[in-house]
Amino acid sequence: MQKLRIDQDIKPLSEVRKGMATYIKQIHETRRPLIITQRGKSAAVLVDVHEFEAMQEKIDLLSDIHSSLSQLEKGEGINHRDAKNMLLERISR
């Protein structure tokens, strides 16, 4: 996802309502999110669907890493060689 450009990527809800197609085109082309405000405060974020999916994948990966680190701290992990052998054994069946 591209970095937010404050001067271009923060719009009031009333403006977004009037030109929704334009703003959807903007997020597709720029890959930047659009912050939508309501009564002067941030209310929502409009994000390109591919960018959203990429964010979800990153969150899932980070969650898996966090779980793995937690398991290792508890002594529940296995060493690399054993893990590799287990996988090779499953693949060869």
PDB file of N, CA and C in Angstrom:
ATOM      1  N   MET A   1       0.847  -1.169   0.000  1.00  0.00           N
ATOM      2  CA  MET A   1       0.000   0.000   0.000  1.00  0.00           C
ATOM      3  C   MET A   1       0.895   1.235   0.000  1.00  0.00           C
ATOM      4  N   GLN A   2       0.519   2.181  -0.808  1.00  0.00           N
ATOM      5  CA  GLN A   2       1.264   3.429  -0.884  1.00  0.00           C
ATOM      6  C   GLN A   2       0.999   4.278   0.350  1.00  0.00           C
ATOM      7  N   LYS A   3       1.920   5.162   0.631  1.00  0.00           N
ATOM      8  CA  LYS A   3       1.800   6.054   1.782  1.00  0.00           C
ATOM      9  C   LYS A   3       0.696   7.086   1.547  1.00  0.00           C
ATOM     10  N   LEU A   4      -0.056   7.355   2.577  1.00  0.00           N
ATOM     11  CA  LEU A   4      -1.145   8.315   2.534  1.00  0.00           C
ATOM     12  C   LEU A   4      -0.625   9.712   2.230  1.00  0.00           C
ATOM     13  N   ARG A   5      -1.314  10.430   1.342  1.00  0.00           N
ATOM     14  CA  ARG A   5      -0.993  11.831   1.045  1.00  0.00           C
ATOM     15  C   ARG A   5      -2.126  12.666   1.625  1.00  0.00           C
ATOM     16  N   ILE A   6      -1.851  13.296   2.734  1.00  0.00           N
ATOM     17  CA  ILE A   6      -2.883  13.985   3.517  1.00  0.00           C
ATOM     18  C   ILE A   6      -3.660  14.996   2.686  1.00  0.00           C
ATOM     19  N   ASP A   7      -2.986  15.714   1.811  1.00  0.00           N
ATOM     20  CA  ASP A   7      -3.675  16.742   1.024  1.00  0.00           C
ATOM     21  C   ASP A   7      -4.616  16.158  -0.028  1.00  0.00           C
ATOM     22  N   GLN A   8      -4.463  14.887  -0.385  1.00  0.00           N
ATOM     23  CA  GLN A   8      -5.283  14.280  -1.427  1.00  0.00           C
ATOM     24  C   GLN A   8      -6.167  13.145  -0.937  1.00  0.00           C
ATOM     25  N   ASP A   9      -5.841  12.558   0.189  1.00  0.00           N
ATOM     26  CA  ASP A   9      -6.482  11.312   0.592  1.00  0.00           C
ATOM     27  C   ASP A   9      -7.372  11.405   1.824  1.00  0.00           C
ATOM     28  N   ILE A  10      -7.757  12.603   2.197  1.00  0.00           N
ATOM     29  CA  ILE A  10      -8.712  12.785   3.290  1.00  0.00           C
ATOM     30  C   ILE A  10      -9.843  13.647   2.755  1.00  0.00           C
ATOM     31  N   LYS A  11     -11.049  13.075   2.744  1.00  0.00           N
ATOM     32  CA  LYS A  11     -12.198  13.768   2.156  1.00  0.00           C
ATOM     33  C   LYS A  11     -13.414  13.639   3.068  1.00  0.00           C
ATOM     34  N   PRO A  12     -14.258  14.680   3.094  1.00  0.00           N
ATOM     35  CA  PRO A  12     -15.491  14.596   3.869  1.00  0.00           C
ATOM     36  C   PRO A  12     -16.502  13.665   3.193  1.00  0.00           C
ATOM     37  N   LEU A  13     -17.327  13.043   3.984  1.00  0.00           N
ATOM     38  CA  LEU A  13     -18.334  12.108   3.491  1.00  0.00           C
ATOM     39  C   LEU A  13     -19.218  12.745   2.426  1.00  0.00           C
ATOM     40  N   SER A  14     -19.619  13.979   2.632  1.00  0.00           N
ATOM     41  CA  SER A  14     -20.504  14.639   1.660  1.00  0.00           C
ATOM     42  C   SER A  14     -19.848  14.716   0.278  1.00  0.00           C
ATOM     43  N   GLU A  15     -18.548  14.960   0.232  1.00  0.00           N
ATOM     44  CA  GLU A  15     -17.830  15.028  -1.042  1.00  0.00           C
ATOM     45  C   GLU A  15     -17.687  13.638  -1.658  1.00  0.00           C
ATOM     46  N   VAL A  16     -17.423  12.639  -0.840  1.00  0.00           N
ATOM     47  CA  VAL A  16     -17.270  11.266  -1.335  1.00  0.00           C
ATOM     48  C   VAL A  16     -18.591  10.767  -1.901  1.00  0.00           C
ATOM     49  N   ARG A  17     -19.691  11.068  -1.244  1.00  0.00           N
ATOM     50  CA  ARG A  17     -21.012  10.669  -1.744  1.00  0.00           C
ATOM     51  C   ARG A  17     -21.260  11.177  -3.159  1.00  0.00           C
ATOM     52  N   LYS A  18     -20.891  12.422  -3.395  1.00  0.00           N
ATOM     53  CA  LYS A  18     -21.142  13.052  -4.701  1.00  0.00           C
ATOM     54  C   LYS A  18     -20.268  12.458  -5.807  1.00  0.00           C
ATOM     55  N   GLY A  19     -19.073  12.021  -5.455  1.00  0.00           N
ATOM     56  CA  GLY A  19     -18.148  11.534  -6.484  1.00  0.00           C
ATOM     57  C   GLY A  19     -17.572  10.178  -6.182  1.00  0.00           C
ATOM     58  N   MET A  20     -18.379   9.260  -5.706  1.00  0.00           N
ATOM     59  CA  MET A  20     -17.890   7.942  -5.288  1.00  0.00           C
ATOM     60  C   MET A  20     -17.091   7.254  -6.398  1.00  0.00           C
ATOM     61  N   ALA A  21     -17.585   7.267  -7.626  1.00  0.00           N
ATOM     62  CA  ALA A  21     -16.879   6.594  -8.720  1.00  0.00           C
ATOM     63  C   ALA A  21     -15.484   7.181  -8.911  1.00  0.00           C
ATOM     64  N   THR A  22     -15.364   8.485  -8.771  1.00  0.00           N
ATOM     65  CA  THR A  22     -14.070   9.152  -8.916  1.00  0.00           C
ATOM     66  C   THR A  22     -13.100   8.687  -7.836  1.00  0.00           C
ATOM     67  N   TYR A  23     -13.590   8.578  -6.615  1.00  0.00           N
ATOM     68  CA  TYR A  23     -12.715   8.174  -5.513  1.00  0.00           C
ATOM     69  C   TYR A  23     -12.342   6.703  -5.581  1.00  0.00           C
ATOM     70  N   ILE A  24     -13.250   5.880  -6.053  1.00  0.00           N
ATOM     71  CA  ILE A  24     -12.914   4.464  -6.236  1.00  0.00           C
ATOM     72  C   ILE A  24     -11.832   4.340  -7.305  1.00  0.00           C
ATOM     73  N   LYS A  25     -11.967   5.096  -8.385  1.00  0.00           N
ATOM     74  CA  LYS A  25     -10.944   5.099  -9.434  1.00  0.00           C
ATOM     75  C   LYS A  25      -9.603   5.567  -8.857  1.00  0.00           C
ATOM     76  N   GLN A  26      -9.645   6.586  -8.018  1.00  0.00           N
ATOM     77  CA  GLN A  26      -8.422   7.124  -7.402  1.00  0.00           C
ATOM     78  C   GLN A  26      -7.703   6.065  -6.574  1.00  0.00           C
ATOM     79  N   ILE A  27      -8.439   5.336  -5.736  1.00  0.00           N
ATOM     80  CA  ILE A  27      -7.767   4.335  -4.892  1.00  0.00           C
ATOM     81  C   ILE A  27      -7.231   3.173  -5.718  1.00  0.00           C
ATOM     82  N   HIS A  28      -7.919   2.838  -6.825  1.00  0.00           N
ATOM     83  CA  HIS A  28      -7.398   1.782  -7.708  1.00  0.00           C
ATOM     84  C   HIS A  28      -6.103   2.223  -8.371  1.00  0.00           C
ATOM     85  N   GLU A  29      -6.062   3.454  -8.823  1.00  0.00           N
ATOM     86  CA  GLU A  29      -4.891   3.951  -9.555  1.00  0.00           C
ATOM     87  C   GLU A  29      -3.701   4.241  -8.645  1.00  0.00           C
ATOM     88  N   THR A  30      -3.962   4.818  -7.480  1.00  0.00           N
ATOM     89  CA  THR A  30      -2.863   5.237  -6.604  1.00  0.00           C
ATOM     90  C   THR A  30      -2.442   4.171  -5.606  1.00  0.00           C
ATOM     91  N   ARG A  31      -3.330   3.201  -5.344  1.00  0.00           N
ATOM     92  CA  ARG A  31      -3.102   2.174  -4.314  1.00  0.00           C
ATOM     93  C   ARG A  31      -2.983   2.788  -2.921  1.00  0.00           C
ATOM     94  N   ARG A  32      -3.500   4.009  -2.768  1.00  0.00           N
ATOM     95  CA  ARG A  32      -3.513   4.671  -1.466  1.00  0.00           C
ATOM     96  C   ARG A  32      -4.926   4.625  -0.900  1.00  0.00           C
ATOM     97  N   PRO A  33      -5.057   4.496   0.414  1.00  0.00           N
ATOM     98  CA  PRO A  33      -6.384   4.513   1.025  1.00  0.00           C
ATOM     99  C   PRO A  33      -6.972   5.922   1.009  1.00  0.00           C
ATOM    100  N   LEU A  34      -8.265   6.001   1.164  1.00  0.00           N
ATOM    101  CA  LEU A  34      -8.956   7.282   1.255  1.00  0.00           C
ATOM    102  C   LEU A  34      -9.600   7.355   2.636  1.00  0.00           C
ATOM    103  N   ILE A  35      -9.235   8.354   3.400  1.00  0.00           N
ATOM    104  CA  ILE A  35      -9.820   8.561   4.725  1.00  0.00           C
ATOM    105  C   ILE A  35     -11.082   9.398   4.538  1.00  0.00           C
ATOM    106  N   ILE A  36     -12.188   8.907   5.042  1.00  0.00           N
ATOM    107  CA  ILE A  36     -13.467   9.618   4.933  1.00  0.00           C
ATOM    108  C   ILE A  36     -13.797  10.198   6.302  1.00  0.00           C
ATOM    109  N   THR A  37     -14.082  11.498   6.305  1.00  0.00           N
ATOM    110  CA  THR A  37     -14.415  12.164   7.563  1.00  0.00           C
ATOM    111  C   THR A  37     -15.907  12.449   7.634  1.00  0.00           C
ATOM    112  N   GLN A  38     -16.382  12.559   8.850  1.00  0.00           N
ATOM    113  CA  GLN A  38     -17.781  12.913   9.111  1.00  0.00           C
ATOM    114  C   GLN A  38     -17.789  13.869  10.296  1.00  0.00           C
ATOM    115  N   ARG A  39     -18.353  15.024  10.072  1.00  0.00           N
ATOM    116  CA  ARG A  39     -18.365  16.088  11.084  1.00  0.00           C
ATOM    117  C   ARG A  39     -16.948  16.445  11.548  1.00  0.00           C
ATOM    118  N   GLY A  40     -16.000  16.423  10.598  1.00  0.00           N
ATOM    119  CA  GLY A  40     -14.635  16.820  10.888  1.00  0.00           C
ATOM    120  C   GLY A  40     -13.761  15.778  11.553  1.00  0.00           C
ATOM    121  N   LYS A  41     -14.302  14.578  11.767  1.00  0.00           N
ATOM    122  CA  LYS A  41     -13.524  13.514  12.404  1.00  0.00           C
ATOM    123  C   LYS A  41     -13.454  12.306  11.478  1.00  0.00           C
ATOM    124  N   SER A  42     -12.363  11.564  11.576  1.00  0.00           N
ATOM    125  CA  SER A  42     -12.230  10.374  10.740  1.00  0.00           C
ATOM    126  C   SER A  42     -13.357   9.398  11.057  1.00  0.00           C
ATOM    127  N   ALA A  43     -13.947   8.824   9.993  1.00  0.00           N
ATOM    128  CA  ALA A  43     -15.084   7.929  10.171  1.00  0.00           C
ATOM    129  C   ALA A  43     -14.882   6.570   9.506  1.00  0.00           C
ATOM    130  N   ALA A  44     -14.147   6.549   8.381  1.00  0.00           N
ATOM    131  CA  ALA A  44     -13.961   5.293   7.653  1.00  0.00           C
ATOM    132  C   ALA A  44     -12.742   5.400   6.747  1.00  0.00           C
ATOM    133  N   VAL A  45     -12.326   4.234   6.261  1.00  0.00           N
ATOM    134  CA  VAL A  45     -11.213   4.178   5.315  1.00  0.00           C
ATOM    135  C   VAL A  45     -11.675   3.350   4.119  1.00  0.00           C
ATOM    136  N   LEU A  46     -11.495   3.903   2.934  1.00  0.00           N
ATOM    137  CA  LEU A  46     -11.812   3.205   1.696  1.00  0.00           C
ATOM    138  C   LEU A  46     -10.493   2.703   1.119  1.00  0.00           C
ATOM    139  N   VAL A  47     -10.409   1.384   0.910  1.00  0.00           N
ATOM    140  CA  VAL A  47      -9.161   0.758   0.483  1.00  0.00           C
ATOM    141  C   VAL A  47      -9.433  -0.104  -0.746  1.00  0.00           C
ATOM    142  N   ASP A  48      -8.494  -0.123  -1.679  1.00  0.00           N
ATOM    143  CA  ASP A  48      -8.574  -0.992  -2.841  1.00  0.00           C
ATOM    144  C   ASP A  48      -8.666  -2.444  -2.379  1.00  0.00           C
ATOM    145  N   VAL A  49      -9.476  -3.246  -3.056  1.00  0.00           N
ATOM    146  CA  VAL A  49      -9.713  -4.624  -2.617  1.00  0.00           C
ATOM    147  C   VAL A  49      -8.428  -5.451  -2.617  1.00  0.00           C
ATOM    148  N   HIS A  50      -7.554  -5.238  -3.592  1.00  0.00           N
ATOM    149  CA  HIS A  50      -6.297  -6.000  -3.623  1.00  0.00           C
ATOM    150  C   HIS A  50      -5.388  -5.600  -2.464  1.00  0.00           C
ATOM    151  N   GLU A  51      -5.386  -4.322  -2.141  1.00  0.00           N
ATOM    152  CA  GLU A  51      -4.601  -3.854  -0.995  1.00  0.00           C
ATOM    153  C   GLU A  51      -5.164  -4.431   0.298  1.00  0.00           C
ATOM    154  N   PHE A  52      -6.481  -4.505   0.402  1.00  0.00           N
ATOM    155  CA  PHE A  52      -7.118  -5.068   1.592  1.00  0.00           C
ATOM    156  C   PHE A  52      -6.743  -6.540   1.749  1.00  0.00           C
ATOM    157  N   GLU A  53      -6.797  -7.292   0.652  1.00  0.00           N
ATOM    158  CA  GLU A  53      -6.432  -8.708   0.703  1.00  0.00           C
ATOM    159  C   GLU A  53      -4.968  -8.883   1.111  1.00  0.00           C
ATOM    160  N   ALA A  54      -4.093  -8.032   0.589  1.00  0.00           N
ATOM    161  CA  ALA A  54      -2.677  -8.105   0.954  1.00  0.00           C
ATOM    162  C   ALA A  54      -2.491  -7.812   2.445  1.00  0.00           C
ATOM    163  N   MET A  55      -3.246  -6.831   2.954  1.00  0.00           N
ATOM    164  CA  MET A  55      -3.162  -6.515   4.384  1.00  0.00           C
ATOM    165  C   MET A  55      -3.629  -7.704   5.218  1.00  0.00           C
ATOM    166  N   GLN A  56      -4.707  -8.368   4.791  1.00  0.00           N
ATOM    167  CA  GLN A  56      -5.218  -9.532   5.514  1.00  0.00           C
ATOM    168  C   GLN A  56      -4.172 -10.642   5.554  1.00  0.00           C
ATOM    169  N   GLU A  57      -3.503 -10.871   4.415  1.00  0.00           N
ATOM    170  CA  GLU A  57      -2.471 -11.910   4.373  1.00  0.00           C
ATOM    171  C   GLU A  57      -1.318 -11.584   5.320  1.00  0.00           C
ATOM    172  N   LYS A  58      -0.931 -10.311   5.358  1.00  0.00           N
ATOM    173  CA  LYS A  58       0.151  -9.902   6.255  1.00  0.00           C
ATOM    174  C   LYS A  58      -0.260 -10.074   7.713  1.00  0.00           C
ATOM    175  N   ILE A  59      -1.487  -9.731   8.032  1.00  0.00           N
ATOM    176  CA  ILE A  59      -1.983  -9.892   9.401  1.00  0.00           C
ATOM    177  C   ILE A  59      -1.980 -11.364   9.791  1.00  0.00           C
ATOM    178  N   ASP A  60      -2.437 -12.232   8.869  1.00  0.00           N
ATOM    179  CA  ASP A  60      -2.433 -13.674   9.148  1.00  0.00           C
ATOM    180  C   ASP A  60      -1.026 -14.186   9.392  1.00  0.00           C
ATOM    181  N   LEU A  61      -0.083 -13.750   8.564  1.00  0.00           N
ATOM    182  CA  LEU A  61       1.307 -14.179   8.727  1.00  0.00           C
ATOM    183  C   LEU A  61       1.879 -13.703  10.059  1.00  0.00           C
ATOM    184  N   LEU A  62       1.640 -12.447  10.396  1.00  0.00           N
ATOM    185  CA  LEU A  62       2.132 -11.920  11.674  1.00  0.00           C
ATOM    186  C   LEU A  62       1.501 -12.644  12.859  1.00  0.00           C
ATOM    187  N   SER A  63       0.230 -12.992  12.725  1.00  0.00           N
ATOM    188  CA  SER A  63      -0.448 -13.747  13.781  1.00  0.00           C
ATOM    189  C   SER A  63       0.191 -15.123  13.955  1.00  0.00           C
ATOM    190  N   ASP A  64       0.491 -15.780  12.832  1.00  0.00           N
ATOM    191  CA  ASP A  64       1.165 -17.087  12.889  1.00  0.00           C
ATOM    192  C   ASP A  64       2.546 -16.973  13.538  1.00  0.00           C
ATOM    193  N   ILE A  65       3.276 -15.925  13.172  1.00  0.00           N
ATOM    194  CA  ILE A  65       4.601 -15.712  13.762  1.00  0.00           C
ATOM    195  C   ILE A  65       4.483 -15.488  15.265  1.00  0.00           C
ATOM    196  N   HIS A  66       3.513 -14.682  15.668  1.00  0.00           N
ATOM    197  CA  HIS A  66       3.300 -14.413  17.090  1.00  0.00           C
ATOM    198  C   HIS A  66       2.977 -15.708  17.842  1.00  0.00           C
ATOM    199  N   SER A  67       2.104 -16.527  17.265  1.00  0.00           N
ATOM    200  CA  SER A  67       1.761 -17.807  17.890  1.00  0.00           C
ATOM    201  C   SER A  67       2.979 -18.710  17.999  1.00  0.00           C
ATOM    202  N   SER A  68       3.780 -18.733  16.932  1.00  0.00           N
ATOM    203  CA  SER A  68       4.987 -19.572  16.933  1.00  0.00           C
ATOM    204  C   SER A  68       5.969 -19.129  18.008  1.00  0.00           C
ATOM    205  N   LEU A  69       6.178 -17.824  18.120  1.00  0.00           N
ATOM    206  CA  LEU A  69       7.092 -17.314  19.148  1.00  0.00           C
ATOM    207  C   LEU A  69       6.592 -17.655  20.540  1.00  0.00           C
ATOM    208  N   SER A  70       5.289 -17.549  20.732  1.00  0.00           N
ATOM    209  CA  SER A  70       4.697 -17.889  22.027  1.00  0.00           C
ATOM    210  C   SER A  70       4.918 -19.374  22.348  1.00  0.00           C
ATOM    211  N   GLN A  71       4.720 -20.226  21.344  1.00  0.00           N
ATOM    212  CA  GLN A  71       4.934 -21.658  21.546  1.00  0.00           C
ATOM    213  C   GLN A  71       6.400 -21.959  21.866  1.00  0.00           C
ATOM    214  N   LEU A  72       7.317 -21.286  21.167  1.00  0.00           N
ATOM    215  CA  LEU A  72       8.737 -21.510  21.424  1.00  0.00           C
ATOM    216  C   LEU A  72       9.118 -21.082  22.832  1.00  0.00           C
ATOM    217  N   GLU A  73       8.543 -19.962  23.299  1.00  0.00           N
ATOM    218  CA  GLU A  73       8.822 -19.495  24.659  1.00  0.00           C
ATOM    219  C   GLU A  73       8.350 -20.500  25.700  1.00  0.00           C
ATOM    220  N   LYS A  74       7.301 -21.249  25.374  1.00  0.00           N
ATOM    221  CA  LYS A  74       6.765 -22.255  26.295  1.00  0.00           C
ATOM    222  C   LYS A  74       7.479 -23.602  26.141  1.00  0.00           C
ATOM    223  N   GLY A  75       8.453 -23.657  25.223  1.00  0.00           N
ATOM    224  CA  GLY A  75       9.177 -24.904  25.005  1.00  0.00           C
ATOM    225  C   GLY A  75       8.404 -25.908  24.175  1.00  0.00           C
ATOM    226  N   GLU A  76       7.409 -25.448  23.431  1.00  0.00           N
ATOM    227  CA  GLU A  76       6.575 -26.355  22.646  1.00  0.00           C
ATOM    228  C   GLU A  76       7.071 -26.548  21.218  1.00  0.00           C
ATOM    229  N   GLY A  77       8.134 -25.895  20.838  1.00  0.00           N
ATOM    230  CA  GLY A  77       8.624 -25.976  19.461  1.00  0.00           C
ATOM    231  C   GLY A  77       9.474 -27.201  19.227  1.00  0.00           C
ATOM    232  N   ILE A  78       9.769 -27.451  17.954  1.00  0.00           N
ATOM    233  CA  ILE A  78      10.682 -28.535  17.591  1.00  0.00           C
ATOM    234  C   ILE A  78      11.803 -27.924  16.748  1.00  0.00           C
ATOM    235  N   ASN A  79      12.931 -28.601  16.714  1.00  0.00           N
ATOM    236  CA  ASN A  79      14.053 -28.040  15.963  1.00  0.00           C
ATOM    237  C   ASN A  79      13.831 -28.185  14.458  1.00  0.00           C
ATOM    238  N   HIS A  80      14.616 -27.443  13.715  1.00  0.00           N
ATOM    239  CA  HIS A  80      14.470 -27.365  12.262  1.00  0.00           C
ATOM    240  C   HIS A  80      14.613 -28.737  11.593  1.00  0.00           C
ATOM    241  N   ARG A  81      15.598 -29.489  12.003  1.00  0.00           N
ATOM    242  CA  ARG A  81      15.850 -30.798  11.378  1.00  0.00           C
ATOM    243  C   ARG A  81      14.647 -31.726  11.554  1.00  0.00           C
ATOM    244  N   ASP A  82      14.075 -31.759  12.762  1.00  0.00           N
ATOM    245  CA  ASP A  82      12.909 -32.617  13.005  1.00  0.00           C
ATOM    246  C   ASP A  82      11.702 -32.150  12.188  1.00  0.00           C
ATOM    247  N   ALA A  83      11.501 -30.843  12.114  1.00  0.00           N
ATOM    248  CA  ALA A  83      10.382 -30.302  11.331  1.00  0.00           C
ATOM    249  C   ALA A  83      10.549 -30.658   9.857  1.00  0.00           C
ATOM    250  N   LYS A  84      11.757 -30.514   9.349  1.00  0.00           N
ATOM    251  CA  LYS A  84      12.036 -30.836   7.946  1.00  0.00           C
ATOM    252  C   LYS A  84      11.777 -32.311   7.675  1.00  0.00           C
ATOM    253  N   ASN A  85      12.238 -33.175   8.551  1.00  0.00           N
ATOM    254  CA  ASN A  85      12.030 -34.612   8.377  1.00  0.00           C
ATOM    255  C   ASN A  85      10.548 -34.951   8.409  1.00  0.00           C
ATOM    256  N   MET A  86       9.799 -34.335   9.300  1.00  0.00           N
ATOM    257  CA  MET A  86       8.353 -34.576   9.382  1.00  0.00           C
ATOM    258  C   MET A  86       7.664 -34.189   8.064  1.00  0.00           C
ATOM    259  N   LEU A  87       8.041 -33.041   7.526  1.00  0.00           N
ATOM    260  CA  LEU A  87       7.431 -32.587   6.269  1.00  0.00           C
ATOM    261  C   LEU A  87       7.810 -33.510   5.105  1.00  0.00           C
ATOM    262  N   LEU A  88       9.080 -33.877   5.034  1.00  0.00           N
ATOM    263  CA  LEU A  88       9.509 -34.762   3.956  1.00  0.00           C
ATOM    264  C   LEU A  88       8.807 -36.111   4.036  1.00  0.00           C
ATOM    265  N   GLU A  89       8.585 -36.574   5.236  1.00  0.00           N
ATOM    266  CA  GLU A  89       7.894 -37.840   5.446  1.00  0.00           C
ATOM    267  C   GLU A  89       6.449 -37.743   4.942  1.00  0.00           C
ATOM    268  N   ARG A  90       5.777 -36.655   5.254  1.00  0.00           N
ATOM    269  CA  ARG A  90       4.389 -36.460   4.803  1.00  0.00           C
ATOM    270  C   ARG A  90       4.302 -36.352   3.282  1.00  0.00           C
ATOM    271  N   ILE A  91       5.261 -35.665   2.694  1.00  0.00           N
ATOM    272  CA  ILE A  91       5.246 -35.461   1.238  1.00  0.00           C
ATOM    273  C   ILE A  91       5.479 -36.790   0.500  1.00  0.00           C
ATOM    274  N   SER A  92       6.329 -37.631   1.041  1.00  0.00           N
ATOM    275  CA  SER A  92       6.686 -38.885   0.354  1.00  0.00           C
ATOM    276  C   SER A  92       5.587 -39.929   0.403  1.00  0.00           C
ATOM    277  N   ARG A  93       4.565 -39.721   1.201  1.00  0.00           N
ATOM    278  CA  ARG A  93       3.476 -40.727   1.303  1.00  0.00           C
ATOM    279  C   ARG A  93       2.547 -40.679   0.140  1.00  0.00           C
TER     280      ARG A  93
END
